[in-house]
Amino acid sequence: MARTERTYVAGPDDAGRRLDRLLRRLLPELGLSAIYKLLRSGGIRLDGAKASPATLVQSGAKITLRLPFPEQGPNSGGRPDNGAGASAFALAGMVLAETADIVVVNKPRGMLTHGPGGLDELCRAHFGDRMASSLAFRPAPLHRLDRNTSGAVAVSASIKGARAFSSSLRAGELVKEYLAVLDGILSEPARWEDELARDEDRRATVESERGRRAVTLVTPLASSGGRTLVRLRLVTGLTHQIRAQAAIHGHPLSGDAKYGGSARGGGYLLHCVLLSCPAWSDADSPGTVLAPLPPNAQALIRDMFGPAAAKACEGACTPESPLNEQKSDDICLD
């Protein structure tokens, strides 16, 4: 029977991971029972010796696989697909801030976060060398913006960064602020608090008594022609939260047909202008990162609301703005 032998070297981001979990990444074509069988038979060895599935792998360790099937496919030698078809320079042109553990990029409108031609593919191209040094870790976007939402997105550059960011996201320690154009006139700050659920049939987020709590803080910046330019701060982060809550409160995003917005050529404007991460003890935080508006959005705001609104947008891009200095749970706008 033809056999295939592969050797892998664990990188720093693989240190402390269970052997069976690394093997699941390396051998997606095999089920877990087949992997355990190879471990028992010695078909998989760690530094030349048999090892149990729960063995913790150290950086620099050699994993040798002797597999009972021939080599198949362009990537069967164990080298990760580095996204050769995508330009490694594309992501570099979007980078706003970079540490050893986290990269923050300015995603353009029209680009998917995940999927064909998406931000995750650019990550594979940009981090090709880093991916080759790790058996399990894959740099990737750590949260999602809709295709037609632009702005700041954090990308993991190390497993430490991924864990620290995800932990802060779950704990509500991240600050994310957006600029948007809404239908109607808002003259006072507001706190939107609703129960939202996902309607998978409609692929939309809707109000529901059995939904999850969603909170968004809204600050109007300028109004004109029956529309308002606002800054929004997410206290929670549910799918389509801003778009759904804006519609629920009678001010859908202008041009957002899915949620009842008025017709506007070019679709809606929603831009994540600020992403702020806390200091971490075990990873290098990027701190507060500002994402400039794309030129077409700047022109839209200037044309729709005038030069004063453009200055207001600049103010919304500063971490010293009053809303950023308060904890969201302490703000009462009733």
C-alpha atoms as a PDB file:
ATOM      1  CA  MET A   1       0.000   0.000   0.000  1.00  0.00           C
ATOM      2  CA  ALA A   2       1.277   3.458  -0.906  1.00  0.00           C
ATOM      3  CA  ARG A   3       1.967   5.631   2.115  1.00  0.00           C
ATOM      4  CA  THR A   4       2.663   9.286   2.690  1.00  0.00           C
ATOM      5  CA  GLU A   5       5.112  10.620   5.259  1.00  0.00           C
ATOM      6  CA  ARG A   6       4.903  14.216   6.427  1.00  0.00           C
ATOM      7  CA  THR A   7       6.868  16.109   9.067  1.00  0.00           C
ATOM      8  CA  TYR A   8       5.711  19.297  10.757  1.00  0.00           C
ATOM      9  CA  VAL A   9       7.460  21.580  13.233  1.00  0.00           C
ATOM     10  CA  ALA A  10       5.319  23.285  15.879  1.00  0.00           C
ATOM     11  CA  GLY A  11       5.637  27.066  16.026  1.00  0.00           C
ATOM     12  CA  PRO A  12       5.257  29.476  18.987  1.00  0.00           C
ATOM     13  CA  ASP A  13       1.489  29.780  18.479  1.00  0.00           C
ATOM     14  CA  ASP A  14       1.152  25.989  18.757  1.00  0.00           C
ATOM     15  CA  ALA A  15       2.809  25.801  22.186  1.00  0.00           C
ATOM     16  CA  GLY A  16       0.591  24.329  24.905  1.00  0.00           C
ATOM     17  CA  ARG A  17      -2.043  22.943  22.512  1.00  0.00           C
ATOM     18  CA  ARG A  18      -3.219  19.342  22.728  1.00  0.00           C
ATOM     19  CA  LEU A  19      -1.744  17.036  20.110  1.00  0.00           C
ATOM     20  CA  ASP A  20      -5.142  15.728  18.948  1.00  0.00           C
ATOM     21  CA  ARG A  21      -6.405  19.268  18.329  1.00  0.00           C
ATOM     22  CA  LEU A  22      -3.378  20.095  16.202  1.00  0.00           C
ATOM     23  CA  LEU A  23      -3.893  16.867  14.291  1.00  0.00           C
ATOM     24  CA  ARG A  24      -7.507  17.765  13.546  1.00  0.00           C
ATOM     25  CA  ARG A  25      -6.175  20.876  11.808  1.00  0.00           C
ATOM     26  CA  LEU A  26      -3.437  19.007   9.975  1.00  0.00           C
ATOM     27  CA  LEU A  27      -5.663  16.110   8.903  1.00  0.00           C
ATOM     28  CA  PRO A  28      -9.128  17.490   8.117  1.00  0.00           C
ATOM     29  CA  GLU A  29      -9.677  14.518   5.801  1.00  0.00           C
ATOM     30  CA  LEU A  30      -9.577  12.089   8.753  1.00  0.00           C
ATOM     31  CA  GLY A  31     -12.108  11.592  11.521  1.00  0.00           C
ATOM     32  CA  LEU A  32     -11.053  11.744  15.165  1.00  0.00           C
ATOM     33  CA  SER A  33     -11.281   7.952  15.568  1.00  0.00           C
ATOM     34  CA  ALA A  34      -8.867   7.476  12.658  1.00  0.00           C
ATOM     35  CA  ILE A  35      -6.437   9.934  14.213  1.00  0.00           C
ATOM     36  CA  TYR A  36      -6.584   8.096  17.556  1.00  0.00           C
ATOM     37  CA  LYS A  37      -5.966   4.806  15.760  1.00  0.00           C
ATOM     38  CA  LEU A  38      -2.845   6.241  14.090  1.00  0.00           C
ATOM     39  CA  LEU A  39      -1.610   7.517  17.455  1.00  0.00           C
ATOM     40  CA  ARG A  40      -2.070   4.077  19.034  1.00  0.00           C
ATOM     41  CA  SER A  41      -0.321   2.304  16.166  1.00  0.00           C
ATOM     42  CA  GLY A  42       2.609   4.701  16.031  1.00  0.00           C
ATOM     43  CA  GLY A  43       1.624   6.093  12.643  1.00  0.00           C
ATOM     44  CA  ILE A  44       1.828   9.522  14.282  1.00  0.00           C
ATOM     45  CA  ARG A  45       4.870  10.333  16.408  1.00  0.00           C
ATOM     46  CA  LEU A  46       5.880  13.346  18.478  1.00  0.00           C
ATOM     47  CA  ASP A  47       9.643  13.926  18.515  1.00  0.00           C
ATOM     48  CA  GLY A  48      10.104  10.364  17.291  1.00  0.00           C
ATOM     49  CA  ALA A  49       8.037   8.697  20.005  1.00  0.00           C
ATOM     50  CA  LYS A  50       4.438   7.608  20.466  1.00  0.00           C
ATOM     51  CA  ALA A  51       2.273  10.144  22.264  1.00  0.00           C
ATOM     52  CA  SER A  52      -1.222  10.292  23.716  1.00  0.00           C
ATOM     53  CA  PRO A  53      -3.927  12.539  22.231  1.00  0.00           C
ATOM     54  CA  ALA A  54      -3.844  14.822  25.291  1.00  0.00           C
ATOM     55  CA  THR A  55      -0.077  15.472  25.127  1.00  0.00           C
ATOM     56  CA  LEU A  56       0.670  19.216  25.150  1.00  0.00           C
ATOM     57  CA  VAL A  57       2.891  20.161  22.235  1.00  0.00           C
ATOM     58  CA  GLN A  58       5.832  22.510  22.737  1.00  0.00           C
ATOM     59  CA  SER A  59       7.264  24.995  20.262  1.00  0.00           C
ATOM     60  CA  GLY A  60       9.879  23.314  18.069  1.00  0.00           C
ATOM     61  CA  ALA A  61       8.446  19.827  18.528  1.00  0.00           C
ATOM     62  CA  LYS A  62       8.415  17.590  15.440  1.00  0.00           C
ATOM     63  CA  ILE A  63       5.235  15.771  14.474  1.00  0.00           C
ATOM     64  CA  THR A  64       5.773  12.957  11.996  1.00  0.00           C
ATOM     65  CA  LEU A  65       2.825  11.409  10.187  1.00  0.00           C
ATOM     66  CA  ARG A  66       2.995   8.108   8.293  1.00  0.00           C
ATOM     67  CA  LEU A  67      -0.341   7.969   6.558  1.00  0.00           C
ATOM     68  CA  PRO A  68      -1.881   4.953   4.802  1.00  0.00           C
ATOM     69  CA  PHE A  69      -2.810   6.845   1.614  1.00  0.00           C
ATOM     70  CA  PRO A  70      -0.883   8.577  -1.185  1.00  0.00           C
ATOM     71  CA  GLU A  71      -0.237  12.295  -1.475  1.00  0.00           C
ATOM     72  CA  GLN A  72      -3.122  14.186  -3.103  1.00  0.00           C
ATOM     73  CA  GLY A  73      -3.787  17.813  -3.989  1.00  0.00           C
ATOM     74  CA  PRO A  74      -1.585  20.885  -4.266  1.00  0.00           C
ATOM     75  CA  ASN A  75      -1.474  21.469  -0.525  1.00  0.00           C
ATOM     76  CA  SER A  76      -1.023  17.905   0.679  1.00  0.00           C
ATOM     77  CA  GLY A  77       2.511  18.446   1.904  1.00  0.00           C
ATOM     78  CA  GLY A  78       1.179  20.208   4.955  1.00  0.00           C
ATOM     79  CA  ARG A  79       2.078  23.708   3.869  1.00  0.00           C
ATOM     80  CA  PRO A  80      -0.847  26.039   4.466  1.00  0.00           C
ATOM     81  CA  ASP A  81      -2.576  27.718   1.554  1.00  0.00           C
ATOM     82  CA  ASN A  82      -1.086  31.199   1.737  1.00  0.00           C
ATOM     83  CA  GLY A  83      -3.631  32.760  -0.608  1.00  0.00           C
ATOM     84  CA  ALA A  84      -1.230  32.989  -3.540  1.00  0.00           C
ATOM     85  CA  GLY A  85      -4.074  34.153  -5.747  1.00  0.00           C
ATOM     86  CA  ALA A  86      -4.605  37.261  -3.622  1.00  0.00           C
ATOM     87  CA  SER A  87      -2.207  40.162  -3.296  1.00  0.00           C
ATOM     88  CA  ALA A  88      -0.246  40.184  -0.047  1.00  0.00           C
ATOM     89  CA  PHE A  89      -0.016  43.945  -0.483  1.00  0.00           C
ATOM     90  CA  ALA A  90      -3.785  44.482  -0.469  1.00  0.00           C
ATOM     91  CA  LEU A  91      -4.108  44.128   3.299  1.00  0.00           C
ATOM     92  CA  ALA A  92      -0.964  46.188   3.909  1.00  0.00           C
ATOM     93  CA  GLY A  93      -2.649  49.149   2.240  1.00  0.00           C
ATOM     94  CA  MET A  94      -5.571  48.885   4.665  1.00  0.00           C
ATOM     95  CA  VAL A  95      -3.569  48.663   7.911  1.00  0.00           C
ATOM     96  CA  LEU A  96      -4.341  51.379  10.492  1.00  0.00           C
ATOM     97  CA  ALA A  97      -2.358  49.969  13.433  1.00  0.00           C
ATOM     98  CA  GLU A  98      -0.226  46.895  13.989  1.00  0.00           C
ATOM     99  CA  THR A  99       1.247  45.194  17.029  1.00  0.00           C
ATOM    100  CA  ALA A 100       2.834  41.772  17.387  1.00  0.00           C
ATOM    101  CA  ASP A 101      -0.576  40.350  18.299  1.00  0.00           C
ATOM    102  CA  ILE A 102      -3.293  42.456  16.614  1.00  0.00           C
ATOM    103  CA  VAL A 103      -3.622  44.298  13.312  1.00  0.00           C
ATOM    104  CA  VAL A 104      -6.456  46.807  12.788  1.00  0.00           C
ATOM    105  CA  VAL A 105      -7.475  47.452   9.183  1.00  0.00           C
ATOM    106  CA  ASN A 106      -9.867  49.860   7.461  1.00  0.00           C
ATOM    107  CA  LYS A 107     -12.238  47.568   5.547  1.00  0.00           C
ATOM    108  CA  PRO A 108     -13.705  49.164   2.425  1.00  0.00           C
ATOM    109  CA  ARG A 109     -17.395  49.132   1.621  1.00  0.00           C
ATOM    110  CA  GLY A 110     -18.329  46.204  -0.619  1.00  0.00           C
ATOM    111  CA  MET A 111     -15.765  43.755   0.798  1.00  0.00           C
ATOM    112  CA  LEU A 112     -16.883  40.668   2.712  1.00  0.00           C
ATOM    113  CA  THR A 113     -15.288  39.971   6.085  1.00  0.00           C
ATOM    114  CA  HIS A 114     -15.397  36.224   5.377  1.00  0.00           C
ATOM    115  CA  GLY A 115     -15.748  34.372   2.105  1.00  0.00           C
ATOM    116  CA  PRO A 116     -14.484  34.510  -1.494  1.00  0.00           C
ATOM    117  CA  GLY A 117     -12.526  37.693  -2.063  1.00  0.00           C
ATOM    118  CA  GLY A 118     -13.043  38.639   1.574  1.00  0.00           C
ATOM    119  CA  LEU A 119     -10.839  40.044   4.290  1.00  0.00           C
ATOM    120  CA  ASP A 120      -9.974  36.561   5.551  1.00  0.00           C
ATOM    121  CA  GLU A 121      -8.417  35.705   2.164  1.00  0.00           C
ATOM    122  CA  LEU A 122      -6.279  38.845   2.292  1.00  0.00           C
ATOM    123  CA  CYS A 123      -5.146  37.785   5.787  1.00  0.00           C
ATOM    124  CA  ARG A 124      -3.932  34.457   4.433  1.00  0.00           C
ATOM    125  CA  ALA A 125      -1.896  36.260   1.785  1.00  0.00           C
ATOM    126  CA  HIS A 126      -0.530  38.950   4.114  1.00  0.00           C
ATOM    127  CA  PHE A 127       0.430  36.531   6.895  1.00  0.00           C
ATOM    128  CA  GLY A 128       1.716  33.745   4.636  1.00  0.00           C
ATOM    129  CA  ASP A 129       5.092  33.394   6.387  1.00  0.00           C
ATOM    130  CA  ARG A 130       3.514  33.478   9.835  1.00  0.00           C
ATOM    131  CA  MET A 131       0.978  30.814   8.866  1.00  0.00           C
ATOM    132  CA  ALA A 132       3.765  28.580   7.613  1.00  0.00           C
ATOM    133  CA  SER A 133       5.403  28.703  11.061  1.00  0.00           C
ATOM    134  CA  SER A 134       2.291  27.498  12.888  1.00  0.00           C
ATOM    135  CA  LEU A 135       0.415  24.220  12.588  1.00  0.00           C
ATOM    136  CA  ALA A 136      -2.918  25.370  14.019  1.00  0.00           C
ATOM    137  CA  PHE A 137      -3.128  29.153  14.220  1.00  0.00           C
ATOM    138  CA  ARG A 138      -4.537  31.054  11.264  1.00  0.00           C
ATOM    139  CA  PRO A 139      -4.635  34.888  11.311  1.00  0.00           C
ATOM    140  CA  ALA A 140      -8.216  35.996  10.632  1.00  0.00           C
ATOM    141  CA  PRO A 141     -10.732  38.784  11.306  1.00  0.00           C
ATOM    142  CA  LEU A 142     -11.854  38.684  14.952  1.00  0.00           C
ATOM    143  CA  HIS A 143     -15.286  40.240  14.404  1.00  0.00           C
ATOM    144  CA  ARG A 144     -17.505  41.018  11.454  1.00  0.00           C
ATOM    145  CA  LEU A 145     -18.687  44.025   9.496  1.00  0.00           C
ATOM    146  CA  ASP A 146     -21.420  43.642   6.881  1.00  0.00           C
ATOM    147  CA  ARG A 147     -20.335  43.763   3.245  1.00  0.00           C
ATOM    148  CA  ASN A 148     -21.581  47.349   2.838  1.00  0.00           C
ATOM    149  CA  THR A 149     -20.308  48.578   6.215  1.00  0.00           C
ATOM    150  CA  SER A 150     -16.810  50.036   6.177  1.00  0.00           C
ATOM    151  CA  GLY A 151     -14.280  50.815   8.872  1.00  0.00           C
ATOM    152  CA  ALA A 152     -12.128  49.341  11.605  1.00  0.00           C
ATOM    153  CA  VAL A 153     -11.772  45.562  11.877  1.00  0.00           C
ATOM    154  CA  ALA A 154      -9.316  43.756  14.180  1.00  0.00           C
ATOM    155  CA  VAL A 155      -7.317  40.845  12.760  1.00  0.00           C
ATOM    156  CA  SER A 156      -5.420  38.353  14.905  1.00  0.00           C
ATOM    157  CA  ALA A 157      -1.672  38.323  14.318  1.00  0.00           C
ATOM    158  CA  SER A 158      -1.027  35.721  17.041  1.00  0.00           C
ATOM    159  CA  ILE A 159      -3.012  33.284  19.106  1.00  0.00           C
ATOM    160  CA  LYS A 160      -2.346  35.484  22.157  1.00  0.00           C
ATOM    161  CA  GLY A 161      -3.939  38.412  20.394  1.00  0.00           C
ATOM    162  CA  ALA A 162      -6.922  36.343  19.302  1.00  0.00           C
ATOM    163  CA  ARG A 163      -7.556  35.127  22.846  1.00  0.00           C
ATOM    164  CA  ALA A 164      -7.136  38.579  24.426  1.00  0.00           C
ATOM    165  CA  PHE A 165      -9.425  40.281  21.911  1.00  0.00           C
ATOM    166  CA  SER A 166     -12.105  37.584  22.174  1.00  0.00           C
ATOM    167  CA  SER A 167     -12.006  37.750  25.967  1.00  0.00           C
ATOM    168  CA  SER A 168     -12.434  41.546  25.892  1.00  0.00           C
ATOM    169  CA  LEU A 169     -15.268  41.212  23.385  1.00  0.00           C
ATOM    170  CA  ARG A 170     -17.145  38.793  25.658  1.00  0.00           C
ATOM    171  CA  ALA A 171     -16.535  41.028  28.692  1.00  0.00           C
ATOM    172  CA  GLY A 172     -17.831  44.148  26.936  1.00  0.00           C
ATOM    173  CA  GLU A 173     -14.464  45.896  27.300  1.00  0.00           C
ATOM    174  CA  LEU A 174     -14.123  46.967  23.671  1.00  0.00           C
ATOM    175  CA  VAL A 175     -15.375  50.333  22.419  1.00  0.00           C
ATOM    176  CA  LYS A 176     -16.783  50.474  18.880  1.00  0.00           C
ATOM    177  CA  GLU A 177     -18.212  53.657  17.412  1.00  0.00           C
ATOM    178  CA  TYR A 178     -19.839  54.260  14.039  1.00  0.00           C
ATOM    179  CA  LEU A 179     -20.913  57.128  11.833  1.00  0.00           C
ATOM    180  CA  ALA A 180     -24.211  56.759   9.952  1.00  0.00           C
ATOM    181  CA  VAL A 181     -26.835  58.747   8.075  1.00  0.00           C
ATOM    182  CA  LEU A 182     -30.383  58.085   9.320  1.00  0.00           C
ATOM    183  CA  ASP A 183     -33.803  59.007   7.992  1.00  0.00           C
ATOM    184  CA  GLY A 184     -35.658  61.638  10.028  1.00  0.00           C
ATOM    185  CA  ILE A 185     -34.514  64.348  12.422  1.00  0.00           C
ATOM    186  CA  LEU A 186     -32.866  63.524  15.777  1.00  0.00           C
ATOM    187  CA  SER A 187     -32.214  66.590  17.904  1.00  0.00           C
ATOM    188  CA  GLU A 188     -31.213  64.976  21.219  1.00  0.00           C
ATOM    189  CA  PRO A 189     -28.904  62.115  22.269  1.00  0.00           C
ATOM    190  CA  ALA A 190     -30.694  58.804  22.794  1.00  0.00           C
ATOM    191  CA  ARG A 191     -30.173  55.404  24.310  1.00  0.00           C
ATOM    192  CA  TRP A 192     -31.722  52.624  22.248  1.00  0.00           C
ATOM    193  CA  GLU A 193     -32.402  49.471  24.246  1.00  0.00           C
ATOM    194  CA  ASP A 194     -34.297  46.576  22.655  1.00  0.00           C
ATOM    195  CA  GLU A 195     -34.642  42.791  22.629  1.00  0.00           C
ATOM    196  CA  LEU A 196     -33.426  41.471  19.278  1.00  0.00           C
ATOM    197  CA  ALA A 197     -33.534  38.052  17.650  1.00  0.00           C
ATOM    198  CA  ARG A 198     -32.359  36.729  14.308  1.00  0.00           C
ATOM    199  CA  ASP A 199     -34.976  35.758  11.702  1.00  0.00           C
ATOM    200  CA  GLU A 200     -33.024  33.252   9.623  1.00  0.00           C
ATOM    201  CA  ASP A 201     -35.760  32.924   6.994  1.00  0.00           C
ATOM    202  CA  ARG A 202     -35.563  36.655   6.254  1.00  0.00           C
ATOM    203  CA  ARG A 203     -31.862  36.854   7.124  1.00  0.00           C
ATOM    204  CA  ALA A 204     -32.700  39.897   9.212  1.00  0.00           C
ATOM    205  CA  THR A 205     -32.618  40.957  12.873  1.00  0.00           C
ATOM    206  CA  VAL A 206     -36.016  41.702  14.411  1.00  0.00           C
ATOM    207  CA  GLU A 207     -37.527  42.835  17.698  1.00  0.00           C
ATOM    208  CA  SER A 208     -38.577  39.868  19.868  1.00  0.00           C
ATOM    209  CA  GLU A 209     -39.599  39.324  23.491  1.00  0.00           C
ATOM    210  CA  ARG A 210     -37.419  36.230  23.461  1.00  0.00           C
ATOM    211  CA  GLY A 211     -34.445  38.002  21.948  1.00  0.00           C
ATOM    212  CA  ARG A 212     -31.165  39.234  23.416  1.00  0.00           C
ATOM    213  CA  ARG A 213     -30.648  42.684  24.942  1.00  0.00           C
ATOM    214  CA  ALA A 214     -29.209  45.237  22.543  1.00  0.00           C
ATOM    215  CA  VAL A 215     -28.024  48.707  23.593  1.00  0.00           C
ATOM    216  CA  THR A 216     -26.765  51.511  21.353  1.00  0.00           C
ATOM    217  CA  LEU A 217     -25.934  55.100  22.334  1.00  0.00           C
ATOM    218  CA  VAL A 218     -26.807  57.688  19.699  1.00  0.00           C
ATOM    219  CA  THR A 219     -25.413  61.218  19.342  1.00  0.00           C
ATOM    220  CA  PRO A 220     -26.765  63.469  16.558  1.00  0.00           C
ATOM    221  CA  LEU A 221     -24.116  65.554  14.777  1.00  0.00           C
ATOM    222  CA  ALA A 222     -26.010  67.366  12.019  1.00  0.00           C
ATOM    223  CA  SER A 223     -29.410  67.353  10.283  1.00  0.00           C
ATOM    224  CA  SER A 224     -30.539  68.452   6.830  1.00  0.00           C
ATOM    225  CA  GLY A 225     -33.195  67.529   4.266  1.00  0.00           C
ATOM    226  CA  GLY A 226     -35.016  65.123   6.566  1.00  0.00           C
ATOM    227  CA  ARG A 227     -31.866  63.138   7.441  1.00  0.00           C
ATOM    228  CA  THR A 228     -29.499  63.119  10.423  1.00  0.00           C
ATOM    229  CA  LEU A 229     -25.802  62.368  10.642  1.00  0.00           C
ATOM    230  CA  VAL A 230     -25.153  60.473  13.882  1.00  0.00           C
ATOM    231  CA  ARG A 231     -22.434  58.817  15.861  1.00  0.00           C
ATOM    232  CA  LEU A 232     -23.376  55.508  17.447  1.00  0.00           C
ATOM    233  CA  ARG A 233     -21.613  53.640  20.203  1.00  0.00           C
ATOM    234  CA  LEU A 234     -22.312  49.933  20.574  1.00  0.00           C
ATOM    235  CA  VAL A 235     -22.744  48.757  24.144  1.00  0.00           C
ATOM    236  CA  THR A 236     -23.659  45.269  22.917  1.00  0.00           C
ATOM    237  CA  GLY A 237     -22.771  43.745  19.566  1.00  0.00           C
ATOM    238  CA  LEU A 238     -25.455  41.695  17.838  1.00  0.00           C
ATOM    239  CA  THR A 239     -25.751  40.946  14.126  1.00  0.00           C
ATOM    240  CA  HIS A 240     -27.247  43.944  12.269  1.00  0.00           C
ATOM    241  CA  GLN A 241     -27.772  45.650  15.650  1.00  0.00           C
ATOM    242  CA  ILE A 242     -27.464  49.239  14.417  1.00  0.00           C
ATOM    243  CA  ARG A 243     -29.512  48.656  11.279  1.00  0.00           C
ATOM    244  CA  ALA A 244     -32.298  46.857  13.171  1.00  0.00           C
ATOM    245  CA  GLN A 245     -32.474  49.275  16.113  1.00  0.00           C
ATOM    246  CA  ALA A 246     -32.442  52.317  13.833  1.00  0.00           C
ATOM    247  CA  ALA A 247     -35.476  50.909  12.031  1.00  0.00           C
ATOM    248  CA  ILE A 248     -37.256  49.966  15.275  1.00  0.00           C
ATOM    249  CA  HIS A 249     -36.851  53.529  16.575  1.00  0.00           C
ATOM    250  CA  GLY A 250     -38.233  55.077  13.403  1.00  0.00           C
ATOM    251  CA  HIS A 251     -34.916  56.215  11.929  1.00  0.00           C
ATOM    252  CA  PRO A 252     -33.657  53.526   9.524  1.00  0.00           C
ATOM    253  CA  LEU A 253     -30.366  54.075   7.753  1.00  0.00           C
ATOM    254  CA  SER A 254     -30.946  56.130   4.607  1.00  0.00           C
ATOM    255  CA  GLY A 255     -30.607  53.799   1.656  1.00  0.00           C
ATOM    256  CA  ASP A 256     -30.989  50.605   3.740  1.00  0.00           C
ATOM    257  CA  ALA A 257     -33.848  48.993   1.805  1.00  0.00           C
ATOM    258  CA  LYS A 258     -33.649  45.778   3.861  1.00  0.00           C
ATOM    259  CA  TYR A 259     -34.697  47.642   7.009  1.00  0.00           C
ATOM    260  CA  GLY A 260     -37.095  50.141   5.474  1.00  0.00           C
ATOM    261  CA  GLY A 261     -34.747  53.024   4.747  1.00  0.00           C
ATOM    262  CA  SER A 262     -35.591  55.654   2.154  1.00  0.00           C
ATOM    263  CA  ALA A 263     -34.267  55.224  -1.363  1.00  0.00           C
ATOM    264  CA  ARG A 264     -30.808  56.695  -1.897  1.00  0.00           C
ATOM    265  CA  GLY A 265     -28.374  56.011  -4.700  1.00  0.00           C
ATOM    266  CA  GLY A 266     -25.304  54.180  -3.476  1.00  0.00           C
ATOM    267  CA  GLY A 267     -26.952  52.486  -0.499  1.00  0.00           C
ATOM    268  CA  TYR A 268     -26.548  53.275   3.180  1.00  0.00           C
ATOM    269  CA  LEU A 269     -23.589  54.851   4.966  1.00  0.00           C
ATOM    270  CA  LEU A 270     -22.347  52.992   8.061  1.00  0.00           C
ATOM    271  CA  HIS A 271     -18.691  53.287   9.023  1.00  0.00           C
ATOM    272  CA  CYS A 272     -16.881  51.937  12.099  1.00  0.00           C
ATOM    273  CA  VAL A 273     -14.820  54.997  12.893  1.00  0.00           C
ATOM    274  CA  LEU A 274     -13.311  53.963  16.224  1.00  0.00           C
ATOM    275  CA  LEU A 275     -12.146  50.688  17.773  1.00  0.00           C
ATOM    276  CA  SER A 276     -10.606  50.805  21.238  1.00  0.00           C
ATOM    277  CA  CYS A 277      -9.037  47.828  23.006  1.00  0.00           C
ATOM    278  CA  PRO A 278      -8.016  47.822  26.678  1.00  0.00           C
ATOM    279  CA  ALA A 279      -4.469  47.157  27.827  1.00  0.00           C
ATOM    280  CA  TRP A 280      -3.774  43.419  28.100  1.00  0.00           C
ATOM    281  CA  SER A 281      -1.310  41.680  30.376  1.00  0.00           C
ATOM    282  CA  ASP A 282      -0.524  38.845  27.961  1.00  0.00           C
ATOM    283  CA  ALA A 283      -0.825  40.503  24.522  1.00  0.00           C
ATOM    284  CA  ASP A 284       0.185  43.759  22.842  1.00  0.00           C
ATOM    285  CA  SER A 285      -2.962  45.878  22.500  1.00  0.00           C
ATOM    286  CA  PRO A 286      -3.361  48.377  19.636  1.00  0.00           C
ATOM    287  CA  GLY A 287      -5.156  50.767  22.024  1.00  0.00           C
ATOM    288  CA  THR A 288      -7.563  53.239  20.400  1.00  0.00           C
ATOM    289  CA  VAL A 289      -7.557  53.188  16.609  1.00  0.00           C
ATOM    290  CA  LEU A 290      -9.386  55.656  14.352  1.00  0.00           C
ATOM    291  CA  ALA A 291     -10.547  54.715  10.853  1.00  0.00           C
ATOM    292  CA  PRO A 292     -10.832  57.671   8.449  1.00  0.00           C
ATOM    293  CA  LEU A 293     -13.961  57.866   6.327  1.00  0.00           C
ATOM    294  CA  PRO A 294     -13.470  56.817   2.706  1.00  0.00           C
ATOM    295  CA  PRO A 295     -13.398  59.752   0.255  1.00  0.00           C
ATOM    296  CA  ASN A 296     -16.841  59.020  -1.205  1.00  0.00           C
ATOM    297  CA  ALA A 297     -18.379  59.021   2.302  1.00  0.00           C
ATOM    298  CA  GLN A 298     -16.620  62.282   3.137  1.00  0.00           C
ATOM    299  CA  ALA A 299     -18.008  63.831  -0.055  1.00  0.00           C
ATOM    300  CA  LEU A 300     -21.508  62.548   0.726  1.00  0.00           C
ATOM    301  CA  ILE A 301     -21.499  64.100   4.203  1.00  0.00           C
ATOM    302  CA  ARG A 302     -20.120  67.384   2.905  1.00  0.00           C
ATOM    303  CA  ASP A 303     -22.714  67.555   0.133  1.00  0.00           C
ATOM    304  CA  MET A 304     -25.620  66.441   2.307  1.00  0.00           C
ATOM    305  CA  PHE A 305     -24.862  68.318   5.548  1.00  0.00           C
ATOM    306  CA  GLY A 306     -22.318  70.993   4.616  1.00  0.00           C
ATOM    307  CA  PRO A 307     -18.744  71.818   5.732  1.00  0.00           C
ATOM    308  CA  ALA A 308     -19.700  72.078   9.408  1.00  0.00           C
ATOM    309  CA  ALA A 309     -20.760  68.432   9.393  1.00  0.00           C
ATOM    310  CA  ALA A 310     -17.387  67.425   8.000  1.00  0.00           C
ATOM    311  CA  LYS A 311     -15.783  69.061  11.035  1.00  0.00           C
ATOM    312  CA  ALA A 312     -18.244  67.306  13.315  1.00  0.00           C
ATOM    313  CA  CYS A 313     -17.119  64.014  11.801  1.00  0.00           C
ATOM    314  CA  GLU A 314     -13.545  64.862  12.641  1.00  0.00           C
ATOM    315  CA  GLY A 315     -14.667  65.405  16.241  1.00  0.00           C
ATOM    316  CA  ALA A 316     -16.385  62.033  16.241  1.00  0.00           C
ATOM    317  CA  CYS A 317     -13.046  60.476  15.319  1.00  0.00           C
ATOM    318  CA  THR A 318     -11.352  61.601  18.529  1.00  0.00           C
ATOM    319  CA  PRO A 319     -11.126  59.280  21.547  1.00  0.00           C
ATOM    320  CA  GLU A 320     -11.389  62.340  23.838  1.00  0.00           C
ATOM    321  CA  SER A 321     -15.050  62.929  22.935  1.00  0.00           C
ATOM    322  CA  PRO A 322     -17.308  63.038  26.035  1.00  0.00           C
ATOM    323  CA  LEU A 323     -19.158  59.820  25.260  1.00  0.00           C
ATOM    324  CA  ASN A 324     -15.898  57.846  25.273  1.00  0.00           C
ATOM    325  CA  GLU A 325     -15.062  59.065  28.748  1.00  0.00           C
ATOM    326  CA  GLN A 326     -18.139  57.485  30.324  1.00  0.00           C
ATOM    327  CA  LYS A 327     -18.957  53.885  30.991  1.00  0.00           C
ATOM    328  CA  SER A 328     -21.932  52.868  28.924  1.00  0.00           C
ATOM    329  CA  ASP A 329     -23.836  51.307  31.837  1.00  0.00           C
ATOM    330  CA  ASP A 330     -23.604  54.609  33.744  1.00  0.00           C
ATOM    331  CA  ILE A 331     -25.204  56.698  30.996  1.00  0.00           C
ATOM    332  CA  CYS A 332     -28.916  57.394  31.439  1.00  0.00           C
ATOM    333  CA  LEU A 333     -30.572  59.364  28.691  1.00  0.00           C
ATOM    334  CA  ASP A 334     -34.214  58.785  29.661  1.00  0.00           C
END
